[in-house]
Amino acid sequence: MTISAYRFEFQPTVAFPAVEQTLLLALLGTESLFGHARVRMDAAYETDAEKRTCVIDASTDVGTYLIRLFTGYAVREFGDKAFAVKRVTAVKTAAVVAGN
């Protein structure tokens, strides 16, 4: 299944574990609004430390909210120039649903 997603690519100056922690913080914020069960069902993302990327599914309201929170937190934490973000087409698989 092909979906709309956003791909974040971080500069080498950004510690990738901090990126993953920021994503977890955004997930907590998303859970506060939508609830744990809905986030588990509707949020999908994938991180790749080697490529320094994070791809978040934008095909649901939950995913869109997660993207907005993550983007805002990343700008505040790392700076506007520390990463690039763009809309992409991705293949959704069971492996990326809810970060599993």
PDB file of N, CA and C in Angstrom:
ATOM      1  N   MET A   1       0.839  -1.165   0.000  1.00  0.00           N
ATOM      2  CA  MET A   1       0.000   0.000   0.000  1.00  0.00           C
ATOM      3  C   MET A   1       0.893   1.239   0.000  1.00  0.00           C
ATOM      4  N   THR A   2       0.652   2.173  -0.889  1.00  0.00           N
ATOM      5  CA  THR A   2       1.437   3.392  -0.990  1.00  0.00           C
ATOM      6  C   THR A   2       0.752   4.504  -0.203  1.00  0.00           C
ATOM      7  N   ILE A   3       1.526   5.242   0.564  1.00  0.00           N
ATOM      8  CA  ILE A   3       0.979   6.299   1.404  1.00  0.00           C
ATOM      9  C   ILE A   3       1.794   7.575   1.274  1.00  0.00           C
ATOM     10  N   SER A   4       1.210   8.658   1.736  1.00  0.00           N
ATOM     11  CA  SER A   4       1.924   9.916   1.850  1.00  0.00           C
ATOM     12  C   SER A   4       2.654   9.917   3.189  1.00  0.00           C
ATOM     13  N   ALA A   5       3.866  10.403   3.188  1.00  0.00           N
ATOM     14  CA  ALA A   5       4.661  10.439   4.415  1.00  0.00           C
ATOM     15  C   ALA A   5       5.581  11.650   4.367  1.00  0.00           C
ATOM     16  N   TYR A   6       6.208  11.933   5.487  1.00  0.00           N
ATOM     17  CA  TYR A   6       7.222  12.978   5.548  1.00  0.00           C
ATOM     18  C   TYR A   6       8.537  12.340   5.960  1.00  0.00           C
ATOM     19  N   ARG A   7       9.590  12.720   5.241  1.00  0.00           N
ATOM     20  CA  ARG A   7      10.926  12.182   5.501  1.00  0.00           C
ATOM     21  C   ARG A   7      11.793  13.292   6.074  1.00  0.00           C
ATOM     22  N   PHE A   8      12.319  13.057   7.262  1.00  0.00           N
ATOM     23  CA  PHE A   8      13.217  13.982   7.933  1.00  0.00           C
ATOM     24  C   PHE A   8      14.629  13.438   7.793  1.00  0.00           C
ATOM     25  N   GLU A   9      15.555  14.292   7.374  1.00  0.00           N
ATOM     26  CA  GLU A   9      16.963  13.899   7.276  1.00  0.00           C
ATOM     27  C   GLU A   9      17.788  14.872   8.109  1.00  0.00           C
ATOM     28  N   PHE A  10      18.538  14.335   9.068  1.00  0.00           N
ATOM     29  CA  PHE A  10      19.260  15.156  10.037  1.00  0.00           C
ATOM     30  C   PHE A  10      20.733  15.281   9.689  1.00  0.00           C
ATOM     31  N   GLN A  11      21.284  16.459   9.966  1.00  0.00           N
ATOM     32  CA  GLN A  11      22.699  16.743   9.740  1.00  0.00           C
ATOM     33  C   GLN A  11      23.557  15.879  10.672  1.00  0.00           C
ATOM     34  N   PRO A  12      24.802  15.605  10.279  1.00  0.00           N
ATOM     35  CA  PRO A  12      25.700  14.802  11.121  1.00  0.00           C
ATOM     36  C   PRO A  12      25.985  15.434  12.486  1.00  0.00           C
ATOM     37  N   THR A  13      25.781  16.733  12.613  1.00  0.00           N
ATOM     38  CA  THR A  13      26.036  17.412  13.889  1.00  0.00           C
ATOM     39  C   THR A  13      24.971  17.101  14.946  1.00  0.00           C
ATOM     40  N   VAL A  14      23.864  16.510  14.529  1.00  0.00           N
ATOM     41  CA  VAL A  14      22.776  16.178  15.458  1.00  0.00           C
ATOM     42  C   VAL A  14      22.948  14.734  15.930  1.00  0.00           C
ATOM     43  N   ALA A  15      22.984  14.538  17.229  1.00  0.00           N
ATOM     44  CA  ALA A  15      23.090  13.182  17.785  1.00  0.00           C
ATOM     45  C   ALA A  15      21.784  12.436  17.507  1.00  0.00           C
ATOM     46  N   PHE A  16      21.866  11.321  16.782  1.00  0.00           N
ATOM     47  CA  PHE A  16      20.637  10.633  16.383  1.00  0.00           C
ATOM     48  C   PHE A  16      19.842  10.075  17.560  1.00  0.00           C
ATOM     49  N   PRO A  17      20.471   9.628  18.641  1.00  0.00           N
ATOM     50  CA  PRO A  17      19.656   9.218  19.795  1.00  0.00           C
ATOM     51  C   PRO A  17      18.754  10.354  20.309  1.00  0.00           C
ATOM     52  N   ALA A  18      19.221  11.592  20.195  1.00  0.00           N
ATOM     53  CA  ALA A  18      18.394  12.737  20.592  1.00  0.00           C
ATOM     54  C   ALA A  18      17.198  12.898  19.656  1.00  0.00           C
ATOM     55  N   VAL A  19      17.387  12.584  18.383  1.00  0.00           N
ATOM     56  CA  VAL A  19      16.278  12.612  17.418  1.00  0.00           C
ATOM     57  C   VAL A  19      15.222  11.593  17.831  1.00  0.00           C
ATOM     58  N   GLU A  20      15.659  10.391  18.165  1.00  0.00           N
ATOM     59  CA  GLU A  20      14.723   9.338  18.574  1.00  0.00           C
ATOM     60  C   GLU A  20      14.004   9.707  19.867  1.00  0.00           C
ATOM     61  N   GLN A  21      14.697  10.352  20.782  1.00  0.00           N
ATOM     62  CA  GLN A  21      14.059  10.801  22.021  1.00  0.00           C
ATOM     63  C   GLN A  21      13.029  11.890  21.741  1.00  0.00           C
ATOM     64  N   THR A  22      13.338  12.774  20.815  1.00  0.00           N
ATOM     65  CA  THR A  22      12.399  13.827  20.438  1.00  0.00           C
ATOM     66  C   THR A  22      11.160  13.228  19.790  1.00  0.00           C
ATOM     67  N   LEU A  23      11.333  12.197  18.982  1.00  0.00           N
ATOM     68  CA  LEU A  23      10.193  11.503  18.384  1.00  0.00           C
ATOM     69  C   LEU A  23       9.327  10.870  19.472  1.00  0.00           C
ATOM     70  N   LEU A  24       9.947  10.263  20.471  1.00  0.00           N
ATOM     71  CA  LEU A  24       9.182   9.672  21.575  1.00  0.00           C
ATOM     72  C   LEU A  24       8.392  10.735  22.334  1.00  0.00           C
ATOM     73  N   LEU A  25       8.978  11.900  22.522  1.00  0.00           N
ATOM     74  CA  LEU A  25       8.268  12.995  23.175  1.00  0.00           C
ATOM     75  C   LEU A  25       7.056  13.419  22.340  1.00  0.00           C
ATOM     76  N   ALA A  26       7.232  13.497  21.029  1.00  0.00           N
ATOM     77  CA  ALA A  26       6.117  13.838  20.139  1.00  0.00           C
ATOM     78  C   ALA A  26       5.034  12.763  20.185  1.00  0.00           C
ATOM     79  N   LEU A  27       5.435  11.503  20.295  1.00  0.00           N
ATOM     80  CA  LEU A  27       4.457  10.415  20.434  1.00  0.00           C
ATOM     81  C   LEU A  27       3.654  10.553  21.722  1.00  0.00           C
ATOM     82  N   LEU A  28       4.313  10.926  22.811  1.00  0.00           N
ATOM     83  CA  LEU A  28       3.603  11.136  24.077  1.00  0.00           C
ATOM     84  C   LEU A  28       2.584  12.262  23.952  1.00  0.00           C
ATOM     85  N   GLY A  29       2.966  13.339  23.291  1.00  0.00           N
ATOM     86  CA  GLY A  29       2.035  14.442  23.067  1.00  0.00           C
ATOM     87  C   GLY A  29       0.856  14.014  22.213  1.00  0.00           C
ATOM     88  N   THR A  30       1.120  13.207  21.214  1.00  0.00           N
ATOM     89  CA  THR A  30       0.063  12.701  20.339  1.00  0.00           C
ATOM     90  C   THR A  30      -0.876  11.790  21.117  1.00  0.00           C
ATOM     91  N   GLU A  31      -0.319  10.962  21.987  1.00  0.00           N
ATOM     92  CA  GLU A  31      -1.145  10.102  22.842  1.00  0.00           C
ATOM     93  C   GLU A  31      -2.029  10.920  23.773  1.00  0.00           C
ATOM     94  N   SER A  32      -1.533  12.045  24.240  1.00  0.00           N
ATOM     95  CA  SER A  32      -2.325  12.896  25.125  1.00  0.00           C
ATOM     96  C   SER A  32      -3.581  13.400  24.432  1.00  0.00           C
ATOM     97  N   LEU A  33      -3.480  13.641  23.149  1.00  0.00           N
ATOM     98  CA  LEU A  33      -4.630  14.141  22.393  1.00  0.00           C
ATOM     99  C   LEU A  33      -5.537  13.021  21.896  1.00  0.00           C
ATOM    100  N   PHE A  34      -4.959  11.954  21.359  1.00  0.00           N
ATOM    101  CA  PHE A  34      -5.747  10.909  20.700  1.00  0.00           C
ATOM    102  C   PHE A  34      -5.950   9.649  21.535  1.00  0.00           C
ATOM    103  N   GLY A  35      -5.148   9.464  22.571  1.00  0.00           N
ATOM    104  CA  GLY A  35      -5.222   8.248  23.373  1.00  0.00           C
ATOM    105  C   GLY A  35      -4.236   7.202  22.879  1.00  0.00           C
ATOM    106  N   HIS A  36      -3.826   6.345  23.808  1.00  0.00           N
ATOM    107  CA  HIS A  36      -2.808   5.334  23.513  1.00  0.00           C
ATOM    108  C   HIS A  36      -3.250   4.365  22.412  1.00  0.00           C
ATOM    109  N   ALA A  37      -4.474   3.879  22.512  1.00  0.00           N
ATOM    110  CA  ALA A  37      -4.942   2.877  21.545  1.00  0.00           C
ATOM    111  C   ALA A  37      -4.958   3.430  20.125  1.00  0.00           C
ATOM    112  N   ARG A  38      -5.457   4.648  19.953  1.00  0.00           N
ATOM    113  CA  ARG A  38      -5.534   5.208  18.600  1.00  0.00           C
ATOM    114  C   ARG A  38      -4.140   5.456  18.021  1.00  0.00           C
ATOM    115  N   VAL A  39      -3.212   5.883  18.860  1.00  0.00           N
ATOM    116  CA  VAL A  39      -1.837   6.080  18.378  1.00  0.00           C
ATOM    117  C   VAL A  39      -1.242   4.745  17.954  1.00  0.00           C
ATOM    118  N   ARG A  40      -1.480   3.699  18.729  1.00  0.00           N
ATOM    119  CA  ARG A  40      -0.976   2.365  18.346  1.00  0.00           C
ATOM    120  C   ARG A  40      -1.559   1.905  17.024  1.00  0.00           C
ATOM    121  N   MET A  41      -2.817   2.249  16.775  1.00  0.00           N
ATOM    122  CA  MET A  41      -3.477   1.802  15.546  1.00  0.00           C
ATOM    123  C   MET A  41      -3.142   2.674  14.339  1.00  0.00           C
ATOM    124  N   ASP A  42      -2.991   3.985  14.543  1.00  0.00           N
ATOM    125  CA  ASP A  42      -2.924   4.909  13.411  1.00  0.00           C
ATOM    126  C   ASP A  42      -1.583   5.595  13.189  1.00  0.00           C
ATOM    127  N   ALA A  43      -0.651   5.493  14.116  1.00  0.00           N
ATOM    128  CA  ALA A  43       0.654   6.136  13.927  1.00  0.00           C
ATOM    129  C   ALA A  43       1.634   5.129  13.336  1.00  0.00           C
ATOM    130  N   ALA A  44       2.382   5.564  12.359  1.00  0.00           N
ATOM    131  CA  ALA A  44       3.409   4.704  11.762  1.00  0.00           C
ATOM    132  C   ALA A  44       4.644   5.554  11.480  1.00  0.00           C
ATOM    133  N   TYR A  45       5.796   5.016  11.828  1.00  0.00           N
ATOM    134  CA  TYR A  45       7.048   5.720  11.582  1.00  0.00           C
ATOM    135  C   TYR A  45       8.173   4.707  11.484  1.00  0.00           C
ATOM    136  N   GLU A  46       9.273   5.178  10.954  1.00  0.00           N
ATOM    137  CA  GLU A  46      10.470   4.342  10.858  1.00  0.00           C
ATOM    138  C   GLU A  46      11.684   5.247  10.978  1.00  0.00           C
ATOM    139  N   THR A  47      12.630   4.860  11.816  1.00  0.00           N
ATOM    140  CA  THR A  47      13.874   5.609  11.927  1.00  0.00           C
ATOM    141  C   THR A  47      15.022   4.757  11.398  1.00  0.00           C
ATOM    142  N   ASP A  48      16.041   5.443  10.883  1.00  0.00           N
ATOM    143  CA  ASP A  48      17.240   4.763  10.388  1.00  0.00           C
ATOM    144  C   ASP A  48      18.446   5.583  10.841  1.00  0.00           C
ATOM    145  N   ALA A  49      19.099   5.124  11.892  1.00  0.00           N
ATOM    146  CA  ALA A  49      20.230   5.859  12.459  1.00  0.00           C
ATOM    147  C   ALA A  49      21.386   5.974  11.471  1.00  0.00           C
ATOM    148  N   GLU A  50      21.610   4.940  10.688  1.00  0.00           N
ATOM    149  CA  GLU A  50      22.714   4.960   9.722  1.00  0.00           C
ATOM    150  C   GLU A  50      22.493   6.027   8.646  1.00  0.00           C
ATOM    151  N   LYS A  51      21.270   6.124   8.153  1.00  0.00           N
ATOM    152  CA  LYS A  51      20.942   7.133   7.134  1.00  0.00           C
ATOM    153  C   LYS A  51      20.559   8.475   7.746  1.00  0.00           C
ATOM    154  N   ARG A  52      20.381   8.484   9.088  1.00  0.00           N
ATOM    155  CA  ARG A  52      20.014   9.697   9.821  1.00  0.00           C
ATOM    156  C   ARG A  52      18.643  10.216   9.391  1.00  0.00           C
ATOM    157  N   THR A  53      17.702   9.284   9.207  1.00  0.00           N
ATOM    158  CA  THR A  53      16.377   9.657   8.728  1.00  0.00           C
ATOM    159  C   THR A  53      15.269   9.156   9.650  1.00  0.00           C
ATOM    160  N   CYS A  54      14.150   9.821   9.530  1.00  0.00           N
ATOM    161  CA  CYS A  54      12.923   9.428  10.210  1.00  0.00           C
ATOM    162  C   CYS A  54      11.794   9.666   9.211  1.00  0.00           C
ATOM    163  N   VAL A  55      11.001   8.642   8.945  1.00  0.00           N
ATOM    164  CA  VAL A  55       9.860   8.757   8.036  1.00  0.00           C
ATOM    165  C   VAL A  55       8.598   8.539   8.857  1.00  0.00           C
ATOM    166  N   ILE A  56       7.652   9.479   8.740  1.00  0.00           N
ATOM    167  CA  ILE A  56       6.401   9.397   9.491  1.00  0.00           C
ATOM    168  C   ILE A  56       5.237   9.404   8.508  1.00  0.00           C
ATOM    169  N   ASP A  57       4.339   8.446   8.670  1.00  0.00           N
ATOM    170  CA  ASP A  57       3.132   8.307   7.855  1.00  0.00           C
ATOM    171  C   ASP A  57       2.227   9.522   8.052  1.00  0.00           C
ATOM    172  N   ALA A  58       1.780  10.115   6.946  1.00  0.00           N
ATOM    173  CA  ALA A  58       0.902  11.288   6.998  1.00  0.00           C
ATOM    174  C   ALA A  58      -0.512  10.966   6.531  1.00  0.00           C
ATOM    175  N   SER A  59      -0.872   9.696   6.472  1.00  0.00           N
ATOM    176  CA  SER A  59      -2.169   9.315   5.901  1.00  0.00           C
ATOM    177  C   SER A  59      -3.324   9.338   6.904  1.00  0.00           C
ATOM    178  N   THR A  60      -3.036   9.637   8.184  1.00  0.00           N
ATOM    179  CA  THR A  60      -4.095   9.701   9.195  1.00  0.00           C
ATOM    180  C   THR A  60      -3.984  11.010   9.971  1.00  0.00           C
ATOM    181  N   ASP A  61      -5.059  11.372  10.668  1.00  0.00           N
ATOM    182  CA  ASP A  61      -5.018  12.555  11.531  1.00  0.00           C
ATOM    183  C   ASP A  61      -3.951  12.401  12.610  1.00  0.00           C
ATOM    184  N   VAL A  62      -3.833  11.205  13.146  1.00  0.00           N
ATOM    185  CA  VAL A  62      -2.829  10.931  14.180  1.00  0.00           C
ATOM    186  C   VAL A  62      -1.427  11.178  13.629  1.00  0.00           C
ATOM    187  N   GLY A  63      -1.151  10.653  12.455  1.00  0.00           N
ATOM    188  CA  GLY A  63       0.159  10.840  11.838  1.00  0.00           C
ATOM    189  C   GLY A  63       0.464  12.295  11.539  1.00  0.00           C
ATOM    190  N   THR A  64      -0.537  13.016  11.044  1.00  0.00           N
ATOM    191  CA  THR A  64      -0.350  14.434  10.741  1.00  0.00           C
ATOM    192  C   THR A  64      -0.025  15.224  12.004  1.00  0.00           C
ATOM    193  N   TYR A  65      -0.713  14.933  13.089  1.00  0.00           N
ATOM    194  CA  TYR A  65      -0.444  15.607  14.357  1.00  0.00           C
ATOM    195  C   TYR A  65       0.956  15.253  14.864  1.00  0.00           C
ATOM    196  N   LEU A  66       1.329  13.984  14.763  1.00  0.00           N
ATOM    197  CA  LEU A  66       2.667  13.549  15.171  1.00  0.00           C
ATOM    198  C   LEU A  66       3.738  14.305  14.383  1.00  0.00           C
ATOM    199  N   ILE A  67       3.535  14.454  13.093  1.00  0.00           N
ATOM    200  CA  ILE A  67       4.490  15.186  12.245  1.00  0.00           C
ATOM    201  C   ILE A  67       4.618  16.632  12.699  1.00  0.00           C
ATOM    202  N   ARG A  68       3.497  17.268  12.980  1.00  0.00           N
ATOM    203  CA  ARG A  68       3.532  18.667  13.419  1.00  0.00           C
ATOM    204  C   ARG A  68       4.278  18.819  14.746  1.00  0.00           C
ATOM    205  N   LEU A  69       3.973  17.948  15.697  1.00  0.00           N
ATOM    206  CA  LEU A  69       4.670  18.012  16.986  1.00  0.00           C
ATOM    207  C   LEU A  69       6.163  17.739  16.819  1.00  0.00           C
ATOM    208  N   PHE A  70       6.501  16.687  16.097  1.00  0.00           N
ATOM    209  CA  PHE A  70       7.903  16.322  15.909  1.00  0.00           C
ATOM    210  C   PHE A  70       8.669  17.449  15.223  1.00  0.00           C
ATOM    211  N   THR A  71       8.077  18.043  14.203  1.00  0.00           N
ATOM    212  CA  THR A  71       8.732  19.149  13.501  1.00  0.00           C
ATOM    213  C   THR A  71       8.977  20.319  14.445  1.00  0.00           C
ATOM    214  N   GLY A  72       7.962  20.688  15.206  1.00  0.00           N
ATOM    215  CA  GLY A  72       8.109  21.797  16.152  1.00  0.00           C
ATOM    216  C   GLY A  72       9.169  21.527  17.204  1.00  0.00           C
ATOM    217  N   TYR A  73       9.146  20.322  17.768  1.00  0.00           N
ATOM    218  CA  TYR A  73      10.142  19.967  18.776  1.00  0.00           C
ATOM    219  C   TYR A  73      11.543  19.937  18.172  1.00  0.00           C
ATOM    220  N   ALA A  74      11.677  19.399  16.975  1.00  0.00           N
ATOM    221  CA  ALA A  74      12.994  19.305  16.332  1.00  0.00           C
ATOM    222  C   ALA A  74      13.565  20.688  16.027  1.00  0.00           C
ATOM    223  N   VAL A  75      12.723  21.606  15.584  1.00  0.00           N
ATOM    224  CA  VAL A  75      13.190  22.972  15.320  1.00  0.00           C
ATOM    225  C   VAL A  75      13.697  23.604  16.612  1.00  0.00           C
ATOM    226  N   ARG A  76      12.943  23.447  17.683  1.00  0.00           N
ATOM    227  CA  ARG A  76      13.342  24.027  18.980  1.00  0.00           C
ATOM    228  C   ARG A  76      14.606  23.370  19.540  1.00  0.00           C
ATOM    229  N   GLU A  77      14.695  22.063  19.397  1.00  0.00           N
ATOM    230  CA  GLU A  77      15.816  21.320  19.992  1.00  0.00           C
ATOM    231  C   GLU A  77      17.109  21.432  19.181  1.00  0.00           C
ATOM    232  N   PHE A  78      16.994  21.314  17.851  1.00  0.00           N
ATOM    233  CA  PHE A  78      18.186  21.207  17.012  1.00  0.00           C
ATOM    234  C   PHE A  78      18.431  22.421  16.123  1.00  0.00           C
ATOM    235  N   GLY A  79      17.414  23.234  15.907  1.00  0.00           N
ATOM    236  CA  GLY A  79      17.534  24.394  15.033  1.00  0.00           C
ATOM    237  C   GLY A  79      16.973  24.115  13.649  1.00  0.00           C
ATOM    238  N   ASP A  80      16.559  25.173  12.999  1.00  0.00           N
ATOM    239  CA  ASP A  80      15.899  25.085  11.694  1.00  0.00           C
ATOM    240  C   ASP A  80      16.796  24.506  10.603  1.00  0.00           C
ATOM    241  N   LYS A  81      18.085  24.712  10.717  1.00  0.00           N
ATOM    242  CA  LYS A  81      19.035  24.260   9.687  1.00  0.00           C
ATOM    243  C   LYS A  81      19.580  22.858   9.949  1.00  0.00           C
ATOM    244  N   ALA A  82      19.188  22.232  11.059  1.00  0.00           N
ATOM    245  CA  ALA A  82      19.751  20.939  11.454  1.00  0.00           C
ATOM    246  C   ALA A  82      19.138  19.760  10.722  1.00  0.00           C
ATOM    247  N   PHE A  83      18.042  20.001  10.007  1.00  0.00           N
ATOM    248  CA  PHE A  83      17.389  18.904   9.302  1.00  0.00           C
ATOM    249  C   PHE A  83      16.602  19.436   8.113  1.00  0.00           C
ATOM    250  N   ALA A  84      16.334  18.526   7.194  1.00  0.00           N
ATOM    251  CA  ALA A  84      15.470  18.821   6.047  1.00  0.00           C
ATOM    252  C   ALA A  84      14.259  17.910   6.150  1.00  0.00           C
ATOM    253  N   VAL A  85      13.119  18.409   5.720  1.00  0.00           N
ATOM    254  CA  VAL A  85      11.903  17.597   5.735  1.00  0.00           C
ATOM    255  C   VAL A  85      11.193  17.777   4.402  1.00  0.00           C
ATOM    256  N   LYS A  86      10.693  16.660   3.863  1.00  0.00           N
ATOM    257  CA  LYS A  86       9.942  16.751   2.614  1.00  0.00           C
ATOM    258  C   LYS A  86       8.889  15.653   2.559  1.00  0.00           C
ATOM    259  N   ARG A  87       7.832  15.939   1.823  1.00  0.00           N
ATOM    260  CA  ARG A  87       6.768  14.958   1.619  1.00  0.00           C
ATOM    261  C   ARG A  87       7.263  13.924   0.611  1.00  0.00           C
ATOM    262  N   VAL A  88       7.005  12.662   0.916  1.00  0.00           N
ATOM    263  CA  VAL A  88       7.425  11.563   0.044  1.00  0.00           C
ATOM    264  C   VAL A  88       6.295  10.551  -0.078  1.00  0.00           C
ATOM    265  N   THR A  89       6.451   9.648  -1.000  1.00  0.00           N
ATOM    266  CA  THR A  89       5.561   8.500  -1.112  1.00  0.00           C
ATOM    267  C   THR A  89       6.306   7.315  -0.530  1.00  0.00           C
ATOM    268  N   ALA A  90       5.643   6.578   0.333  1.00  0.00           N
ATOM    269  CA  ALA A  90       6.291   5.444   1.001  1.00  0.00           C
ATOM    270  C   ALA A  90       5.403   4.219   0.896  1.00  0.00           C
ATOM    271  N   VAL A  91       5.993   3.072   1.103  1.00  0.00           N
ATOM    272  CA  VAL A  91       5.245   1.819   1.130  1.00  0.00           C
ATOM    273  C   VAL A  91       5.001   1.478   2.588  1.00  0.00           C
ATOM    274  N   LYS A  92       3.741   1.353   2.955  1.00  0.00           N
ATOM    275  CA  LYS A  92       3.376   1.036   4.340  1.00  0.00           C
ATOM    276  C   LYS A  92       3.395  -0.470   4.535  1.00  0.00           C
ATOM    277  N   THR A  93       4.137  -0.901   5.547  1.00  0.00           N
ATOM    278  CA  THR A  93       4.194  -2.321   5.879  1.00  0.00           C
ATOM    279  C   THR A  93       3.881  -2.493   7.355  1.00  0.00           C
ATOM    280  N   ALA A  94       3.577  -3.684   7.754  1.00  0.00           N
ATOM    281  CA  ALA A  94       3.280  -3.959   9.159  1.00  0.00           C
ATOM    282  C   ALA A  94       4.464  -3.626  10.051  1.00  0.00           C
ATOM    283  N   ALA A  95       5.670  -3.671   9.520  1.00  0.00           N
ATOM    284  CA  ALA A  95       6.871  -3.442  10.324  1.00  0.00           C
ATOM    285  C   ALA A  95       6.984  -2.008  10.819  1.00  0.00           C
ATOM    286  N   VAL A  96       6.411  -1.032  10.104  1.00  0.00           N
ATOM    287  CA  VAL A  96       6.558   0.357  10.527  1.00  0.00           C
ATOM    288  C   VAL A  96       5.366   0.863  11.319  1.00  0.00           C
ATOM    289  N   VAL A  97       4.297   0.122  11.394  1.00  0.00           N
ATOM    290  CA  VAL A  97       3.121   0.574  12.122  1.00  0.00           C
ATOM    291  C   VAL A  97       3.460   0.713  13.595  1.00  0.00           C
ATOM    292  N   ALA A  98       3.161   1.874  14.135  1.00  0.00           N
ATOM    293  CA  ALA A  98       3.413   2.191  15.542  1.00  0.00           C
ATOM    294  C   ALA A  98       4.863   1.943  15.943  1.00  0.00           C
ATOM    295  N   GLY A  99       5.757   2.074  14.989  1.00  0.00           N
ATOM    296  CA  GLY A  99       7.173   1.968  15.296  1.00  0.00           C
ATOM    297  C   GLY A  99       7.664   0.576  15.605  1.00  0.00           C
ATOM    298  N   ASN A 100       6.870  -0.428  15.351  1.00  0.00           N
ATOM    299  CA  ASN A 100       7.285  -1.805  15.645  1.00  0.00           C
ATOM    300  C   ASN A 100       8.228  -2.316  14.598  1.00  0.00           C
TER     301      ASN A 100
END
